[in-house]
Amino acid sequence: MVAVAWVGVITVLFMLPQVSPVTWETFNYAPIAVLVVLGFATTWWLASARHWFLPPDHERTIAREAARAGAPEAVDP
C-alpha cells in the first residue's frame, strides 16, 4: 500500500511545472505523455484485451478450472 501511494505521489510531483511562469519553452510535457499512454492502453483494452480476461464466475473460467482438476463440468442449478 505504501509503495502504491508513493508511486501516486511521485507521479504527481514529476508532472508539476519546473519553473514559473510556464511558457511553451518551459512547459512540462510529462502530463501529455501520460495521457497519451493511458489513452492508448484504454483503447487497446476496450477493443481487445477485455475479451481475454474473464471473471472467476464466468462459465468458460469454471469449465477450464474443472478440466484442469479432472472433475466433471459444473452444472447450473
PDB file of N, CA and C in Angstrom:
ATOM      1  N   MET A   1       0.832  -1.196   0.000  1.00  0.00           N
ATOM      2  CA  MET A   1       0.000   0.000   0.000  1.00  0.00           C
ATOM      3  C   MET A   1       0.869   1.250   0.000  1.00  0.00           C
ATOM      4  N   VAL A   2       1.944   1.190   0.765  1.00  0.00           N
ATOM      5  CA  VAL A   2       2.844   2.345   0.840  1.00  0.00           C
ATOM      6  C   VAL A   2       3.489   2.589  -0.521  1.00  0.00           C
ATOM      7  N   ALA A   3       3.906   1.521  -1.188  1.00  0.00           N
ATOM      8  CA  ALA A   3       4.548   1.659  -2.497  1.00  0.00           C
ATOM      9  C   ALA A   3       3.584   2.249  -3.524  1.00  0.00           C
ATOM     10  N   VAL A   4       2.341   1.798  -3.513  1.00  0.00           N
ATOM     11  CA  VAL A   4       1.350   2.321  -4.457  1.00  0.00           C
ATOM     12  C   VAL A   4       1.093   3.800  -4.179  1.00  0.00           C
ATOM     13  N   ALA A   5       0.967   4.162  -2.914  1.00  0.00           N
ATOM     14  CA  ALA A   5       0.768   5.569  -2.561  1.00  0.00           C
ATOM     15  C   ALA A   5       1.964   6.414  -2.980  1.00  0.00           C
ATOM     16  N   TRP A   6       3.167   5.878  -2.772  1.00  0.00           N
ATOM     17  CA  TRP A   6       4.371   6.620  -3.143  1.00  0.00           C
ATOM     18  C   TRP A   6       4.435   6.841  -4.651  1.00  0.00           C
ATOM     19  N   VAL A   7       4.097   5.838  -5.432  1.00  0.00           N
ATOM     20  CA  VAL A   7       4.098   5.994  -6.891  1.00  0.00           C
ATOM     21  C   VAL A   7       3.096   7.071  -7.302  1.00  0.00           C
ATOM     22  N   GLY A   8       1.930   7.097  -6.673  1.00  0.00           N
ATOM     23  CA  GLY A   8       0.949   8.136  -6.978  1.00  0.00           C
ATOM     24  C   GLY A   8       1.463   9.525  -6.648  1.00  0.00           C
ATOM     25  N   VAL A   9       2.090   9.679  -5.487  1.00  0.00           N
ATOM     26  CA  VAL A   9       2.618  10.988  -5.079  1.00  0.00           C
ATOM     27  C   VAL A   9       3.744  11.431  -5.999  1.00  0.00           C
ATOM     28  N   ILE A  10       4.696  10.552  -6.261  1.00  0.00           N
ATOM     29  CA  ILE A  10       5.855  10.945  -7.057  1.00  0.00           C
ATOM     30  C   ILE A  10       5.466  11.202  -8.507  1.00  0.00           C
ATOM     31  N   THR A  11       4.429  10.506  -9.003  1.00  0.00           N
ATOM     32  CA  THR A  11       3.952  10.768 -10.359  1.00  0.00           C
ATOM     33  C   THR A  11       3.413  12.190 -10.468  1.00  0.00           C
ATOM     34  N   VAL A  12       2.645  12.609  -9.487  1.00  0.00           N
ATOM     35  CA  VAL A  12       2.120  13.981  -9.488  1.00  0.00           C
ATOM     36  C   VAL A  12       3.273  14.981  -9.378  1.00  0.00           C
ATOM     37  N   LEU A  13       4.238  14.716  -8.518  1.00  0.00           N
ATOM     38  CA  LEU A  13       5.359  15.637  -8.362  1.00  0.00           C
ATOM     39  C   LEU A  13       6.173  15.777  -9.639  1.00  0.00           C
ATOM     40  N   PHE A  14       6.368  14.693 -10.355  1.00  0.00           N
ATOM     41  CA  PHE A  14       7.136  14.763 -11.603  1.00  0.00           C
ATOM     42  C   PHE A  14       6.389  15.513 -12.701  1.00  0.00           C
ATOM     43  N   MET A  15       5.091  15.642 -12.580  1.00  0.00           N
ATOM     44  CA  MET A  15       4.319  16.335 -13.607  1.00  0.00           C
ATOM     45  C   MET A  15       4.125  17.824 -13.316  1.00  0.00           C
ATOM     46  N   LEU A  16       4.560  18.280 -12.161  1.00  0.00           N
ATOM     47  CA  LEU A  16       4.422  19.700 -11.839  1.00  0.00           C
ATOM     48  C   LEU A  16       5.369  20.531 -12.693  1.00  0.00           C
ATOM     49  N   PRO A  17       5.007  21.793 -12.946  1.00  0.00           N
ATOM     50  CA  PRO A  17       5.914  22.666 -13.695  1.00  0.00           C
ATOM     51  C   PRO A  17       7.220  22.862 -12.924  1.00  0.00           C
ATOM     52  N   GLN A  18       8.318  22.956 -13.669  1.00  0.00           N
ATOM     53  CA  GLN A  18       9.618  23.095 -13.024  1.00  0.00           C
ATOM     54  C   GLN A  18      10.026  24.545 -12.830  1.00  0.00           C
ATOM     55  N   VAL A  19       9.447  25.449 -13.608  1.00  0.00           N
ATOM     56  CA  VAL A  19       9.747  26.880 -13.476  1.00  0.00           C
ATOM     57  C   VAL A  19       8.448  27.661 -13.558  1.00  0.00           C
ATOM     58  N   SER A  20       8.510  28.869 -13.098  1.00  0.00           N
ATOM     59  CA  SER A  20       7.353  29.745 -13.166  1.00  0.00           C
ATOM     60  C   SER A  20       7.807  31.071 -13.733  1.00  0.00           C
ATOM     61  N   PRO A  21       7.112  31.704 -14.597  1.00  0.00           N
ATOM     62  CA  PRO A  21       5.848  31.316 -15.227  1.00  0.00           C
ATOM     63  C   PRO A  21       6.068  30.242 -16.289  1.00  0.00           C
ATOM     64  N   VAL A  22       5.012  29.513 -16.547  1.00  0.00           N
ATOM     65  CA  VAL A  22       5.073  28.448 -17.542  1.00  0.00           C
ATOM     66  C   VAL A  22       4.862  29.053 -18.929  1.00  0.00           C
ATOM     67  N   THR A  23       5.798  28.771 -19.815  1.00  0.00           N
ATOM     68  CA  THR A  23       5.683  29.177 -21.217  1.00  0.00           C
ATOM     69  C   THR A  23       5.804  27.920 -22.070  1.00  0.00           C
ATOM     70  N   TRP A  24       5.681  28.076 -23.389  1.00  0.00           N
ATOM     71  CA  TRP A  24       5.828  26.916 -24.271  1.00  0.00           C
ATOM     72  C   TRP A  24       7.229  26.340 -24.200  1.00  0.00           C
ATOM     73  N   GLU A  25       8.196  27.164 -23.892  1.00  0.00           N
ATOM     74  CA  GLU A  25       9.585  26.683 -23.798  1.00  0.00           C
ATOM     75  C   GLU A  25       9.853  25.952 -22.483  1.00  0.00           C
ATOM     76  N   THR A  26       9.121  26.281 -21.434  1.00  0.00           N
ATOM     77  CA  THR A  26       9.349  25.664 -20.123  1.00  0.00           C
ATOM     78  C   THR A  26       8.246  24.686 -19.735  1.00  0.00           C
ATOM     79  N   PHE A  27       7.335  24.437 -20.663  1.00  0.00           N
ATOM     80  CA  PHE A  27       6.203  23.555 -20.369  1.00  0.00           C
ATOM     81  C   PHE A  27       6.696  22.125 -20.145  1.00  0.00           C
ATOM     82  N   ASN A  28       6.144  21.464 -19.123  1.00  0.00           N
ATOM     83  CA  ASN A  28       6.481  20.080 -18.819  1.00  0.00           C
ATOM     84  C   ASN A  28       5.515  19.184 -19.586  1.00  0.00           C
ATOM     85  N   TYR A  29       6.026  18.418 -20.529  1.00  0.00           N
ATOM     86  CA  TYR A  29       5.180  17.588 -21.379  1.00  0.00           C
ATOM     87  C   TYR A  29       4.875  16.219 -20.787  1.00  0.00           C
ATOM     88  N   ALA A  30       5.301  15.938 -19.581  1.00  0.00           N
ATOM     89  CA  ALA A  30       5.042  14.645 -18.941  1.00  0.00           C
ATOM     90  C   ALA A  30       3.542  14.351 -18.809  1.00  0.00           C
ATOM     91  N   PRO A  31       2.705  15.316 -18.404  1.00  0.00           N
ATOM     92  CA  PRO A  31       1.270  15.003 -18.312  1.00  0.00           C
ATOM     93  C   PRO A  31       0.673  14.600 -19.656  1.00  0.00           C
ATOM     94  N   ILE A  32       1.124  15.233 -20.730  1.00  0.00           N
ATOM     95  CA  ILE A  32       0.613  14.883 -22.054  1.00  0.00           C
ATOM     96  C   ILE A  32       1.052  13.469 -22.423  1.00  0.00           C
ATOM     97  N   ALA A  33       2.303  13.131 -22.141  1.00  0.00           N
ATOM     98  CA  ALA A  33       2.801  11.785 -22.435  1.00  0.00           C
ATOM     99  C   ALA A  33       2.034  10.742 -21.636  1.00  0.00           C
ATOM    100  N   VAL A  34       1.751  11.020 -20.377  1.00  0.00           N
ATOM    101  CA  VAL A  34       0.990  10.077 -19.546  1.00  0.00           C
ATOM    102  C   VAL A  34      -0.426   9.906 -20.096  1.00  0.00           C
ATOM    103  N   LEU A  35      -1.060  10.994 -20.501  1.00  0.00           N
ATOM    104  CA  LEU A  35      -2.409  10.904 -21.067  1.00  0.00           C
ATOM    105  C   LEU A  35      -2.423  10.113 -22.372  1.00  0.00           C
ATOM    106  N   VAL A  36      -1.400  10.284 -23.206  1.00  0.00           N
ATOM    107  CA  VAL A  36      -1.324   9.532 -24.458  1.00  0.00           C
ATOM    108  C   VAL A  36      -1.197   8.033 -24.161  1.00  0.00           C
ATOM    109  N   VAL A  37      -0.324   7.677 -23.225  1.00  0.00           N
ATOM    110  CA  VAL A  37      -0.147   6.264 -22.883  1.00  0.00           C
ATOM    111  C   VAL A  37      -1.421   5.689 -22.271  1.00  0.00           C
ATOM    112  N   LEU A  38      -2.051   6.411 -21.360  1.00  0.00           N
ATOM    113  CA  LEU A  38      -3.302   5.939 -20.761  1.00  0.00           C
ATOM    114  C   LEU A  38      -4.412   5.823 -21.805  1.00  0.00           C
ATOM    115  N   GLY A  39      -4.476   6.764 -22.722  1.00  0.00           N
ATOM    116  CA  GLY A  39      -5.469   6.706 -23.794  1.00  0.00           C
ATOM    117  C   GLY A  39      -5.257   5.497 -24.694  1.00  0.00           C
ATOM    118  N   PHE A  40      -3.993   5.236 -25.061  1.00  0.00           N
ATOM    119  CA  PHE A  40      -3.684   4.068 -25.878  1.00  0.00           C
ATOM    120  C   PHE A  40      -4.039   2.780 -25.141  1.00  0.00           C
ATOM    121  N   ALA A  41      -3.661   2.688 -23.868  1.00  0.00           N
ATOM    122  CA  ALA A  41      -3.929   1.481 -23.087  1.00  0.00           C
ATOM    123  C   ALA A  41      -5.431   1.260 -22.921  1.00  0.00           C
ATOM    124  N   THR A  42      -6.182   2.318 -22.674  1.00  0.00           N
ATOM    125  CA  THR A  42      -7.629   2.202 -22.521  1.00  0.00           C
ATOM    126  C   THR A  42      -8.288   1.762 -23.827  1.00  0.00           C
ATOM    127  N   THR A  43      -7.856   2.364 -24.934  1.00  0.00           N
ATOM    128  CA  THR A  43      -8.410   1.985 -26.237  1.00  0.00           C
ATOM    129  C   THR A  43      -8.107   0.529 -26.549  1.00  0.00           C
ATOM    130  N   TRP A  44      -6.881   0.100 -26.296  1.00  0.00           N
ATOM    131  CA  TRP A  44      -6.490  -1.287 -26.561  1.00  0.00           C
ATOM    132  C   TRP A  44      -7.299  -2.244 -25.683  1.00  0.00           C
ATOM    133  N   TRP A  45      -7.482  -1.880 -24.414  1.00  0.00           N
ATOM    134  CA  TRP A  45      -8.248  -2.750 -23.522  1.00  0.00           C
ATOM    135  C   TRP A  45      -9.697  -2.849 -23.985  1.00  0.00           C
ATOM    136  N   LEU A  46     -10.308  -1.712 -24.337  1.00  0.00           N
ATOM    137  CA  LEU A  46     -11.705  -1.724 -24.768  1.00  0.00           C
ATOM    138  C   LEU A  46     -11.883  -2.487 -26.076  1.00  0.00           C
ATOM    139  N   ALA A  47     -10.916  -2.392 -26.980  1.00  0.00           N
ATOM    140  CA  ALA A  47     -11.036  -3.033 -28.286  1.00  0.00           C
ATOM    141  C   ALA A  47     -10.731  -4.527 -28.240  1.00  0.00           C
ATOM    142  N   SER A  48      -9.831  -4.950 -27.361  1.00  0.00           N
ATOM    143  CA  SER A  48      -9.375  -6.323 -27.461  1.00  0.00           C
ATOM    144  C   SER A  48      -9.208  -7.029 -26.121  1.00  0.00           C
ATOM    145  N   ALA A  49      -8.418  -6.491 -25.237  1.00  0.00           N
ATOM    146  CA  ALA A  49      -7.965  -7.212 -24.045  1.00  0.00           C
ATOM    147  C   ALA A  49      -9.091  -7.561 -23.079  1.00  0.00           C
ATOM    148  N   ARG A  50     -10.150  -6.804 -23.052  1.00  0.00           N
ATOM    149  CA  ARG A  50     -11.224  -7.118 -22.088  1.00  0.00           C
ATOM    150  C   ARG A  50     -11.905  -8.440 -22.406  1.00  0.00           C
ATOM    151  N   HIS A  51     -11.725  -8.934 -23.628  1.00  0.00           N
ATOM    152  CA  HIS A  51     -12.315 -10.217 -24.002  1.00  0.00           C
ATOM    153  C   HIS A  51     -11.424 -11.392 -23.600  1.00  0.00           C
ATOM    154  N   TRP A  52     -10.182 -11.134 -23.261  1.00  0.00           N
ATOM    155  CA  TRP A  52      -9.240 -12.192 -22.886  1.00  0.00           C
ATOM    156  C   TRP A  52      -9.364 -12.574 -21.426  1.00  0.00           C
ATOM    157  N   PHE A  53      -9.610 -11.589 -20.568  1.00  0.00           N
ATOM    158  CA  PHE A  53      -9.596 -11.800 -19.134  1.00  0.00           C
ATOM    159  C   PHE A  53     -11.028 -11.928 -18.629  1.00  0.00           C
ATOM    160  N   LEU A  54     -11.354 -13.090 -18.126  1.00  0.00           N
ATOM    161  CA  LEU A  54     -12.721 -13.369 -17.701  1.00  0.00           C
ATOM    162  C   LEU A  54     -12.790 -13.421 -16.180  1.00  0.00           C
ATOM    163  N   PRO A  55     -13.919 -13.029 -15.598  1.00  0.00           N
ATOM    164  CA  PRO A  55     -14.075 -13.102 -14.147  1.00  0.00           C
ATOM    165  C   PRO A  55     -14.124 -14.556 -13.679  1.00  0.00           C
ATOM    166  N   PRO A  56     -13.848 -14.808 -12.407  1.00  0.00           N
ATOM    167  CA  PRO A  56     -13.834 -16.180 -11.891  1.00  0.00           C
ATOM    168  C   PRO A  56     -15.161 -16.910 -12.021  1.00  0.00           C
ATOM    169  N   ASP A  57     -16.281 -16.203 -12.044  1.00  0.00           N
ATOM    170  CA  ASP A  57     -17.576 -16.877 -12.118  1.00  0.00           C
ATOM    171  C   ASP A  57     -18.087 -17.033 -13.552  1.00  0.00           C
ATOM    172  N   HIS A  58     -17.270 -16.718 -14.552  1.00  0.00           N
ATOM    173  CA  HIS A  58     -17.664 -16.867 -15.952  1.00  0.00           C
ATOM    174  C   HIS A  58     -17.675 -18.355 -16.314  1.00  0.00           C
ATOM    175  N   GLU A  59     -18.607 -18.763 -17.168  1.00  0.00           N
ATOM    176  CA  GLU A  59     -18.763 -20.191 -17.490  1.00  0.00           C
ATOM    177  C   GLU A  59     -17.513 -20.791 -18.125  1.00  0.00           C
ATOM    178  N   ARG A  60     -16.809 -20.037 -18.950  1.00  0.00           N
ATOM    179  CA  ARG A  60     -15.586 -20.584 -19.558  1.00  0.00           C
ATOM    180  C   ARG A  60     -14.485 -20.748 -18.529  1.00  0.00           C
ATOM    181  N   THR A  61     -14.415 -19.851 -17.551  1.00  0.00           N
ATOM    182  CA  THR A  61     -13.421 -19.977 -16.491  1.00  0.00           C
ATOM    183  C   THR A  61     -13.721 -21.204 -15.632  1.00  0.00           C
ATOM    184  N   ILE A  62     -14.979 -21.411 -15.291  1.00  0.00           N
ATOM    185  CA  ILE A  62     -15.375 -22.565 -14.484  1.00  0.00           C
ATOM    186  C   ILE A  62     -15.078 -23.859 -15.229  1.00  0.00           C
ATOM    187  N   ALA A  63     -15.387 -23.890 -16.530  1.00  0.00           N
ATOM    188  CA  ALA A  63     -15.120 -25.088 -17.327  1.00  0.00           C
ATOM    189  C   ALA A  63     -13.625 -25.363 -17.423  1.00  0.00           C
ATOM    190  N   ARG A  64     -12.833 -24.322 -17.591  1.00  0.00           N
ATOM    191  CA  ARG A  64     -11.382 -24.501 -17.681  1.00  0.00           C
ATOM    192  C   ARG A  64     -10.818 -25.030 -16.373  1.00  0.00           C
ATOM    193  N   GLU A  65     -11.262 -24.500 -15.255  1.00  0.00           N
ATOM    194  CA  GLU A  65     -10.781 -24.955 -13.950  1.00  0.00           C
ATOM    195  C   GLU A  65     -11.229 -26.387 -13.669  1.00  0.00           C
ATOM    196  N   ALA A  66     -12.445 -26.740 -14.076  1.00  0.00           N
ATOM    197  CA  ALA A  66     -12.925 -28.102 -13.886  1.00  0.00           C
ATOM    198  C   ALA A  66     -12.109 -29.080 -14.720  1.00  0.00           C
ATOM    199  N   ALA A  67     -11.764 -28.696 -15.935  1.00  0.00           N
ATOM    200  CA  ALA A  67     -10.953 -29.563 -16.790  1.00  0.00           C
ATOM    201  C   ALA A  67      -9.558 -29.741 -16.209  1.00  0.00           C
ATOM    202  N   ARG A  68      -9.009 -28.706 -15.623  1.00  0.00           N
ATOM    203  CA  ARG A  68      -7.680 -28.800 -15.003  1.00  0.00           C
ATOM    204  C   ARG A  68      -7.696 -29.742 -13.810  1.00  0.00           C
ATOM    205  N   ALA A  69      -8.777 -29.725 -13.065  1.00  0.00           N
ATOM    206  CA  ALA A  69      -8.865 -30.544 -11.866  1.00  0.00           C
ATOM    207  C   ALA A  69      -9.277 -31.976 -12.191  1.00  0.00           C
ATOM    208  N   GLY A  70      -9.681 -32.227 -13.438  1.00  0.00           N
ATOM    209  CA  GLY A  70     -10.122 -33.561 -13.813  1.00  0.00           C
ATOM    210  C   GLY A  70     -11.529 -33.880 -13.336  1.00  0.00           C
ATOM    211  N   ALA A  71     -12.206 -32.864 -12.868  1.00  0.00           N
ATOM    212  CA  ALA A  71     -13.562 -33.063 -12.368  1.00  0.00           C
ATOM    213  C   ALA A  71     -14.561 -32.835 -13.506  1.00  0.00           C
ATOM    214  N   PRO A  72     -15.757 -33.379 -13.363  1.00  0.00           N
ATOM    215  CA  PRO A  72     -16.787 -33.097 -14.390  1.00  0.00           C
ATOM    216  C   PRO A  72     -17.160 -31.623 -14.348  1.00  0.00           C
ATOM    217  N   GLU A  73     -17.649 -31.128 -15.477  1.00  0.00           N
ATOM    218  CA  GLU A  73     -18.010 -29.717 -15.566  1.00  0.00           C
ATOM    219  C   GLU A  73     -19.144 -29.378 -14.607  1.00  0.00           C
ATOM    220  N   ALA A  74     -19.098 -28.166 -14.100  1.00  0.00           N
ATOM    221  CA  ALA A  74     -20.144 -27.695 -13.185  1.00  0.00           C
ATOM    222  C   ALA A  74     -21.449 -27.533 -13.941  1.00  0.00           C
ATOM    223  N   VAL A  75     -22.554 -27.887 -13.281  1.00  0.00           N
ATOM    224  CA  VAL A  75     -23.860 -27.787 -13.889  1.00  0.00           C
ATOM    225  C   VAL A  75     -24.630 -26.694 -13.154  1.00  0.00           C
ATOM    226  N   ASP A  76     -25.283 -25.829 -13.900  1.00  0.00           N
ATOM    227  CA  ASP A  76     -26.078 -24.776 -13.276  1.00  0.00           C
ATOM    228  C   ASP A  76     -27.253 -25.413 -12.544  1.00  0.00           C
ATOM    229  N   PRO A  77     -27.574 -24.897 -11.368  1.00  0.00           N
ATOM    230  CA  PRO A  77     -28.707 -25.470 -10.592  1.00  0.00           C
ATOM    231  C   PRO A  77     -30.038 -25.171 -11.196  1.00  0.00           C
TER     232      PRO A  77
END
